């Protein structure tokens, strides 16, 4: 008898993840937290090794597609009218929360490493350069579960849509200090990752909207949107552009060019949102390695706490400068706690550079461990913020 293979692995992860999500919801927790913990249970250091699950062999394209769908929906949730009304607030909040987390993580880890006698500057800067990014998936999943709507929800969606663009800029500039690259080289890299993603997503959104006008059957919209999204993701990866930012731009442009009929390009994917969240978070949790916590617990704790403090304080100041009402400035930082795919991708970029050596491996390990922590506490923080702001509606099926 041969081993079951990837289809069995996926089915097992999804089945256990669904049960864990329902149990989490029964106890008043976001389902996302249950999905992540279910994935952790099947990580290589736990049940994954005993069951011979080879998640790492097939998970990258699956998680990339799931993250792309989430980014597309986030981009489509923002309209040009909202940007005109809330543009200043979104920009100041994004600058505050992103730069606040970068600065506080850099200062905290520099002091921590200096106190322990380790090499401090390069490692602290490397970790700080990744700290500004935020994972929209967990926050959007919580909004979806609790049917949230209101000023805080709309501002959060705008901030997470711009956050990764700013994070990529900060990361590219940090490479100048970390590797001694020329400023021109770093600028060219940032221009390709950000400018290329914006151009690719904008063109893809225009073509998608134009083609959608030719469709006469609603059943064809889902395959057309998925085809467009996967093509954009593939081209972005091939040319070195940010696939996540390209997906965000695709959703925004499709909504803009489709105008009043834009919802028809998002309803098919919105119907499968929960399945996408289930896949993404259970698979992400399965990459956990218990040895990470044992090797560098002080760096993981310092990174997680400093980043959360920087996000909340920076978002508060940025929102106040942008003229946000008190309920938004007080709670928006808690909705920005999750961190996942983009941070891991940037960390791997650092690790692949020979100049970092062992420090690159430490960065990857710390980020993976902190992602696990943030993906558990992040949805809880987002849920708390939406509840305290009075924007969390009744959960489906009576779940609280």
Protein backbone atom coordinates (compact mmCIF):
# COMPACT_ATOMS: atom_id res chain seq x y z
CA UNK A 1 0.00 0.00 0.00
CA UNK A 2 1.43 3.37 -1.02
CA UNK A 3 1.37 6.49 1.15
CA UNK A 4 -1.81 8.63 0.76
CA UNK A 5 0.00 11.65 -0.69
CA UNK A 6 -0.75 15.40 -0.86
CA UNK A 7 -4.52 15.09 -1.34
CA UNK A 8 -4.83 13.17 1.92
CA UNK A 9 -2.59 15.72 3.67
CA UNK A 10 -4.75 18.61 2.46
CA UNK A 11 -7.98 16.85 3.39
CA UNK A 12 -6.73 16.00 6.87
CA UNK A 13 -5.51 19.54 7.52
CA UNK A 14 -8.78 21.07 6.36
CA UNK A 15 -10.97 18.64 8.31
CA UNK A 16 -9.10 19.14 11.59
CA UNK A 17 -8.82 22.88 10.94
CA UNK A 18 -12.56 23.20 10.41
CA UNK A 19 -13.31 21.38 13.66
CA UNK A 20 -10.76 23.52 15.53
CA UNK A 21 -12.28 26.68 14.05
CA UNK A 22 -15.78 25.69 15.15
CA UNK A 23 -14.52 24.92 18.65
CA UNK A 24 -12.74 28.29 18.80
CA UNK A 25 -15.91 30.09 17.71
CA UNK A 26 -17.91 28.19 20.36
CA UNK A 27 -15.64 29.68 23.03
CA UNK A 28 -15.94 33.20 21.62
CA UNK A 29 -12.62 33.14 19.73
CA UNK A 30 -12.04 33.95 16.05
CA UNK A 31 -12.07 30.83 13.86
CA UNK A 32 -8.70 31.87 12.41
CA UNK A 33 -7.00 31.14 15.75
CA UNK A 34 -8.36 27.60 15.60
CA UNK A 35 -7.16 27.16 12.04
CA UNK A 36 -3.62 28.21 12.95
CA UNK A 37 -3.44 25.98 16.03
CA UNK A 38 -4.73 23.01 14.02
CA UNK A 39 -1.95 23.58 11.51
CA UNK A 40 0.60 23.76 14.33
CA UNK A 41 -0.53 20.35 15.57
CA UNK A 42 0.50 18.88 12.21
CA UNK A 43 3.87 20.66 12.03
CA UNK A 44 7.01 18.51 11.48
CA UNK A 45 8.05 18.68 15.14
CA UNK A 46 4.67 17.37 16.32
CA UNK A 47 2.16 15.11 14.52
CA UNK A 48 3.48 15.93 11.06
CA UNK A 49 6.58 13.81 11.48
CA UNK A 50 4.69 10.83 12.88
CA UNK A 51 2.11 10.97 10.08
CA UNK A 52 4.76 11.72 7.43
CA UNK A 53 2.98 14.81 6.16
CA UNK A 54 5.04 16.55 3.47
CA UNK A 55 3.33 19.94 3.62
CA UNK A 56 6.39 21.96 2.58
CA UNK A 57 6.60 20.04 -0.71
CA UNK A 58 3.26 21.24 -2.07
CA UNK A 59 2.16 24.20 0.05
CA UNK A 60 3.91 27.23 -1.59
CA UNK A 61 1.68 27.58 -4.68
CA UNK A 62 -1.43 26.87 -2.60
CA UNK A 63 -0.62 29.51 0.01
CA UNK A 64 0.46 32.02 -2.67
CA UNK A 65 -2.88 31.59 -4.46
CA UNK A 66 -4.84 31.90 -1.19
CA UNK A 67 -2.94 35.04 -0.20
CA UNK A 68 -3.49 36.47 -3.67
CA UNK A 69 -7.26 35.93 -3.40
CA UNK A 70 -7.31 37.64 -0.01
CA UNK A 71 -5.28 40.58 -1.36
CA UNK A 72 -7.60 40.87 -4.39
CA UNK A 73 -10.64 41.09 -2.11
CA UNK A 74 -8.94 43.67 0.12
CA UNK A 75 -8.07 45.79 -2.91
CA UNK A 76 -11.62 45.54 -4.19
CA UNK A 77 -13.03 46.67 -0.86
CA UNK A 78 -11.58 50.16 -1.39
CA UNK A 79 -13.17 52.58 -3.81
CA UNK A 80 -11.85 55.85 -5.21
CA UNK A 81 -14.64 57.62 -3.36
CA UNK A 82 -13.42 56.23 -0.04
CA UNK A 83 -9.86 57.28 -0.82
CA UNK A 84 -11.01 60.80 -1.57
CA UNK A 85 -12.91 60.95 1.72
CA UNK A 86 -10.34 59.12 3.86
CA UNK A 87 -7.08 59.49 1.93
CA UNK A 88 -5.30 61.66 4.50
CA UNK A 89 -6.38 59.46 7.39
CA UNK A 90 -5.25 56.26 5.67
CA UNK A 91 -1.86 57.71 4.70
CA UNK A 92 -1.02 59.15 8.13
CA UNK A 93 -2.17 56.01 9.91
CA UNK A 94 -0.15 53.76 7.60
CA UNK A 95 2.98 55.88 8.05
CA UNK A 96 2.52 55.93 11.81
CA UNK A 97 1.95 52.22 12.36
CA UNK A 98 4.57 51.02 9.88
CA UNK A 99 7.41 53.36 10.85
CA UNK A 100 6.50 53.10 14.53
CA UNK A 101 6.95 49.33 14.52
CA UNK A 102 10.21 49.53 12.53
CA UNK A 103 11.74 52.09 14.91
CA UNK A 104 10.62 50.41 18.13
CA UNK A 105 11.72 46.93 17.03
CA UNK A 106 15.10 48.28 15.93
CA UNK A 107 15.71 50.13 19.20
CA UNK A 108 14.41 47.33 21.41
CA UNK A 109 16.39 44.54 19.76
CA UNK A 110 19.56 46.66 19.57
CA UNK A 111 19.35 47.22 23.33
CA UNK A 112 18.51 43.56 23.98
CA UNK A 113 21.37 42.22 21.87
CA UNK A 114 23.82 44.73 23.34
CA UNK A 115 22.79 43.69 26.84
CA UNK A 116 23.37 40.00 26.05
CA UNK A 117 26.75 40.74 24.43
CA UNK A 118 25.73 39.65 20.91
CA UNK A 119 26.35 41.47 17.64
CA UNK A 120 23.52 43.95 17.65
CA UNK A 121 23.27 46.44 14.82
CA UNK A 122 22.96 44.33 11.67
CA UNK A 123 20.65 41.70 13.21
CA UNK A 124 18.45 44.33 14.86
CA UNK A 125 18.19 46.31 11.62
CA UNK A 126 17.40 43.16 9.65
CA UNK A 127 14.53 42.25 11.96
CA UNK A 128 13.32 45.87 12.11
CA UNK A 129 13.21 46.10 8.30
CA UNK A 130 10.58 43.33 8.26
CA UNK A 131 8.54 44.58 11.22
CA UNK A 132 6.46 47.14 9.33
CA UNK A 133 4.49 44.66 7.21
CA UNK A 134 1.02 43.49 8.20
CA UNK A 135 -0.89 40.41 7.05
CA UNK A 136 -4.36 41.40 5.84
CA UNK A 137 -5.67 37.83 5.84
CA UNK A 138 -6.27 37.44 9.58
CA UNK A 139 -7.84 40.87 9.99
CA UNK A 140 -10.11 40.39 6.98
CA UNK A 141 -11.07 36.92 8.24
CA UNK A 142 -12.19 38.37 11.57
CA UNK A 143 -14.15 41.12 9.80
CA UNK A 144 -15.80 38.48 7.64
CA UNK A 145 -16.70 36.25 10.59
CA UNK A 146 -18.28 39.09 12.60
CA UNK A 147 -19.75 40.94 9.60
CA UNK A 148 -18.00 44.09 10.77
CA UNK A 149 -18.75 47.49 9.28
CA UNK A 150 -18.11 51.07 10.35
CA UNK A 151 -15.39 53.75 10.39
CA UNK A 152 -12.80 51.50 12.06
CA UNK A 153 -13.44 48.63 9.63
CA UNK A 154 -13.19 50.85 6.55
CA UNK A 155 -10.04 52.58 7.81
CA UNK A 156 -8.42 49.22 8.61
CA UNK A 157 -9.09 47.96 5.09
CA UNK A 158 -7.46 51.06 3.61
CA UNK A 159 -4.42 50.81 5.88
CA UNK A 160 -3.72 47.12 5.22
CA UNK A 161 -4.02 47.79 1.48
CA UNK A 162 -1.22 50.39 1.62
CA UNK A 163 0.82 48.82 4.39
CA UNK A 164 2.76 46.28 2.33
CA UNK A 165 3.73 48.86 -0.28
CA UNK A 166 5.32 50.99 2.41
CA UNK A 167 6.84 47.90 4.01
CA UNK A 168 8.58 46.96 0.76
CA UNK A 169 9.96 50.51 0.41
CA UNK A 170 11.35 50.45 3.96
CA UNK A 171 12.83 46.99 3.44
CA UNK A 172 14.53 48.01 0.17
CA UNK A 173 16.07 51.08 1.78
CA UNK A 174 17.22 49.02 4.76
CA UNK A 175 19.19 46.79 2.39
CA UNK A 176 21.38 49.79 1.62
CA UNK A 177 22.50 49.91 5.26
CA UNK A 178 22.64 46.15 5.71
CA UNK A 179 24.50 45.09 2.56
CA UNK A 180 26.27 48.22 1.42
CA UNK A 181 24.31 48.20 -1.85
CA UNK A 182 24.19 51.42 -3.79
CA UNK A 183 21.27 53.72 -3.31
CA UNK A 184 20.62 53.52 -7.04
CA UNK A 185 20.45 49.72 -6.90
CA UNK A 186 18.03 49.78 -3.97
CA UNK A 187 15.91 52.36 -5.76
CA UNK A 188 15.76 50.22 -8.89
CA UNK A 189 14.70 47.20 -6.84
CA UNK A 190 11.97 49.18 -5.07
CA UNK A 191 10.79 50.62 -8.39
CA UNK A 192 10.45 47.15 -9.90
CA UNK A 193 8.73 45.59 -6.87
CA UNK A 194 6.30 48.46 -6.32
CA UNK A 195 6.03 50.23 -9.69
CA UNK A 196 5.92 46.94 -11.59
CA UNK A 197 3.23 45.59 -9.29
CA UNK A 198 1.10 48.73 -9.66
CA UNK A 199 1.42 48.70 -13.46
CA UNK A 200 0.73 44.97 -13.74
CA UNK A 201 -2.26 45.06 -11.38
CA UNK A 202 -3.68 48.17 -13.00
CA UNK A 203 -3.45 46.73 -16.50
CA UNK A 204 -4.86 43.40 -15.34
CA UNK A 205 -7.78 45.12 -13.61
CA UNK A 206 -8.60 47.13 -16.73
CA UNK A 207 -8.53 44.04 -18.93
CA UNK A 208 -10.60 42.06 -16.43
CA UNK A 209 -13.25 44.76 -16.25
CA UNK A 210 -13.39 45.04 -20.05
CA UNK A 211 -13.70 41.30 -20.50
CA UNK A 212 -16.35 41.02 -17.77
CA UNK A 213 -18.69 43.15 -19.88
CA UNK A 214 -18.74 40.37 -22.48
CA UNK A 215 -19.89 37.68 -20.03
CA UNK A 216 -23.53 36.74 -20.17
CA UNK A 217 -23.54 33.94 -17.60
CA UNK A 218 -22.78 34.59 -13.94
CA UNK A 219 -21.31 31.10 -13.56
CA UNK A 220 -18.39 32.15 -15.78
CA UNK A 221 -17.27 35.03 -13.54
CA UNK A 222 -15.46 32.87 -10.99
CA UNK A 223 -13.18 31.07 -13.50
CA UNK A 224 -12.46 34.34 -15.32
CA UNK A 225 -11.49 36.16 -12.11
CA UNK A 226 -9.37 33.23 -10.91
CA UNK A 227 -7.60 33.04 -14.26
CA UNK A 228 -6.82 36.76 -14.21
CA UNK A 229 -5.60 36.61 -10.62
CA UNK A 230 -3.34 33.60 -11.17
CA UNK A 231 -1.89 35.15 -14.32
CA UNK A 232 -1.08 38.37 -12.46
CA UNK A 233 0.50 36.41 -9.59
CA UNK A 234 2.61 34.37 -12.00
CA UNK A 235 3.81 37.33 -14.08
CA UNK A 236 4.60 39.35 -10.94
CA UNK A 237 6.77 36.55 -9.58
CA UNK A 238 8.52 36.14 -12.93
CA UNK A 239 9.47 39.82 -13.33
CA UNK A 240 10.38 40.46 -9.69
CA UNK A 241 7.34 42.56 -8.79
CA UNK A 242 5.43 42.23 -5.52
CA UNK A 243 2.77 39.58 -6.14
CA UNK A 244 0.77 40.71 -3.12
CA UNK A 245 0.75 44.36 -4.16
CA UNK A 246 -0.12 43.35 -7.74
CA UNK A 247 -3.13 41.40 -6.43
CA UNK A 248 -4.24 44.35 -4.32
CA UNK A 249 -3.97 46.65 -7.33
CA UNK A 250 -5.83 44.16 -9.53
CA UNK A 251 -8.78 44.20 -7.15
CA UNK A 252 -8.77 47.98 -6.81
CA UNK A 253 -8.49 48.56 -10.57
CA UNK A 254 -11.16 45.98 -11.40
CA UNK A 255 -13.57 47.68 -9.01
CA UNK A 256 -12.73 51.11 -10.40
CA UNK A 257 -13.05 50.26 -14.09
CA UNK A 258 -16.16 48.12 -13.64
CA UNK A 259 -17.83 50.99 -11.74
CA UNK A 260 -21.41 50.23 -10.64
CA UNK A 261 -21.16 46.58 -11.65
CA UNK A 262 -17.92 45.96 -9.80
CA UNK A 263 -19.49 43.74 -7.16
CA UNK A 264 -20.03 41.03 -9.79
CA UNK A 265 -16.25 40.57 -9.98
CA UNK A 266 -15.98 39.96 -6.23
CA UNK A 267 -19.13 38.13 -5.16
CA UNK A 268 -17.93 34.73 -6.52
CA UNK A 269 -14.71 34.88 -4.49
CA UNK A 270 -16.43 36.32 -1.42
CA UNK A 271 -18.60 33.21 -1.37
CA UNK A 272 -15.49 31.05 -0.94
CA UNK A 273 -13.67 33.34 1.51
CA UNK A 274 -13.96 31.00 4.47
CA UNK A 275 -12.48 28.10 2.50
CA UNK A 276 -9.56 30.32 1.48
CA UNK A 277 -8.96 31.36 5.09
CA UNK A 278 -9.12 27.74 6.22
CA UNK A 279 -6.54 26.64 3.64
CA UNK A 280 -4.17 29.55 4.20
CA UNK A 281 -4.02 29.49 7.99
CA UNK A 282 -3.92 25.73 8.55
CA UNK A 283 -1.10 25.35 6.01
CA UNK A 284 0.76 28.35 7.49
CA UNK A 285 0.53 26.85 10.97
CA UNK A 286 1.91 23.53 9.76
CA UNK A 287 5.27 25.19 8.99
CA UNK A 288 5.94 25.80 12.68
CA UNK A 289 9.21 24.45 14.12
CA UNK A 290 9.33 24.05 17.93
CA UNK A 291 13.10 24.48 17.99
CA UNK A 292 12.72 28.13 17.01
CA UNK A 293 11.35 29.11 20.41
CA UNK A 294 14.05 27.17 22.23
CA UNK A 295 16.89 28.71 20.21
CA UNK A 296 16.02 32.42 20.47
CA UNK A 297 13.14 32.99 22.92
CA UNK A 298 14.35 36.46 23.93
CA UNK A 299 14.47 37.68 20.32
CA UNK A 300 11.03 36.28 19.56
CA UNK A 301 9.51 37.87 22.67
CA UNK A 302 11.28 41.19 22.11
CA UNK A 303 10.27 41.31 18.45
CA UNK A 304 6.61 40.45 19.08
CA UNK A 305 6.16 42.89 21.99
CA UNK A 306 8.09 45.77 20.41
CA UNK A 307 6.27 45.37 17.09
CA UNK A 308 2.85 45.33 18.76
CA UNK A 309 3.73 48.39 20.85
CA UNK A 310 5.02 50.18 17.75
CA UNK A 311 1.91 49.30 15.74
CA UNK A 312 -0.55 50.44 18.38
CA UNK A 313 1.25 53.65 19.39
CA UNK A 314 2.18 54.61 15.83
CA UNK A 315 -1.31 53.92 14.51
CA UNK A 316 -2.80 55.98 17.34
CA UNK A 317 -0.61 58.99 16.57
CA UNK A 318 -1.07 58.65 12.81
CA UNK A 319 -4.85 58.36 13.11
CA UNK A 320 -5.01 61.39 15.39
CA UNK A 321 -2.96 63.42 12.91
CA UNK A 322 -5.31 62.27 10.16
CA UNK A 323 -8.35 63.55 12.06
CA UNK A 324 -9.81 60.15 12.97
CA UNK A 325 -12.59 59.94 15.54
CA UNK A 326 -11.46 58.67 18.98
CA UNK A 327 -12.94 55.20 18.49
CA UNK A 328 -10.77 54.70 15.39
CA UNK A 329 -7.50 56.10 16.77
CA UNK A 330 -7.90 54.14 20.02
CA UNK A 331 -8.43 50.69 18.49
CA UNK A 332 -7.00 50.64 14.97
CA UNK A 333 -3.54 49.50 16.07
CA UNK A 334 -4.92 46.25 17.49
CA UNK A 335 -6.29 45.31 14.07
CA UNK A 336 -2.79 45.54 12.58
CA UNK A 337 -1.11 42.93 14.80
CA UNK A 338 -1.16 39.92 12.41
CA UNK A 339 1.94 39.27 10.31
CA UNK A 340 2.48 36.37 7.90
CA UNK A 341 3.38 35.77 4.26
CA UNK A 342 5.02 39.06 3.28
CA UNK A 343 7.21 39.11 6.40
CA UNK A 344 8.36 35.53 5.77
CA UNK A 345 9.13 36.36 2.14
CA UNK A 346 11.24 39.38 3.09
CA UNK A 347 13.07 37.34 5.75
CA UNK A 348 13.89 34.66 3.19
CA UNK A 349 15.20 37.36 0.87
CA UNK A 350 17.66 38.39 3.58
CA UNK A 351 18.67 34.79 4.30
CA UNK A 352 19.49 34.19 0.63
CA UNK A 353 22.14 36.94 0.65
CA UNK A 354 25.61 35.57 1.50
CA UNK A 355 26.52 38.77 3.36
CA UNK A 356 24.22 37.84 6.24
CA UNK A 357 25.46 34.31 6.87
CA UNK A 358 24.14 32.89 10.15
CA UNK A 359 22.29 36.12 10.91
CA UNK A 360 20.02 35.43 7.94
CA UNK A 361 18.99 32.08 9.39
CA UNK A 362 18.29 33.71 12.77
CA UNK A 363 16.08 36.31 11.08
CA UNK A 364 14.05 33.63 9.30
CA UNK A 365 13.62 31.60 12.50
CA UNK A 366 12.60 34.59 14.60
CA UNK A 367 10.12 35.78 11.95
CA UNK A 368 8.57 32.32 11.59
CA UNK A 369 8.14 32.03 15.36
CA UNK A 370 6.75 35.55 15.68
CA UNK A 371 4.36 34.93 12.77
CA UNK A 372 2.92 31.98 14.64
CA UNK A 373 2.45 34.08 17.78
CA UNK A 374 1.03 37.04 15.84
CA UNK A 375 -1.35 34.84 13.86
CA UNK A 376 -2.78 33.54 17.14
CA UNK A 377 -2.93 36.80 19.15
CA UNK A 378 -3.55 38.99 16.08
CA UNK A 379 -7.08 37.77 15.35
CA UNK A 380 -7.90 38.03 19.05
CA UNK A 381 -6.67 41.64 19.09
CA UNK A 382 -8.62 42.46 15.91
CA UNK A 383 -11.76 40.88 17.36
CA UNK A 384 -11.36 42.90 20.56
CA UNK A 385 -10.92 46.14 18.59
CA UNK A 386 -14.03 45.56 16.46
CA UNK A 387 -16.10 44.66 19.52
CA UNK A 388 -14.96 47.65 21.55
CA UNK A 389 -15.61 49.92 18.56
CA UNK A 390 -19.14 48.51 18.31
CA UNK A 391 -18.62 47.34 14.72
CA UNK A 392 -18.73 43.55 15.23
CA UNK A 393 -22.11 42.24 14.16
CA UNK A 394 -23.59 38.93 15.21
CA UNK A 395 -21.48 35.99 14.07
CA UNK A 396 -23.13 33.52 11.70
CA UNK A 397 -25.01 30.56 13.20
CA UNK A 398 -25.11 32.25 16.54
CA UNK A 399 -21.34 32.05 17.04
CA UNK A 400 -19.92 34.67 19.28
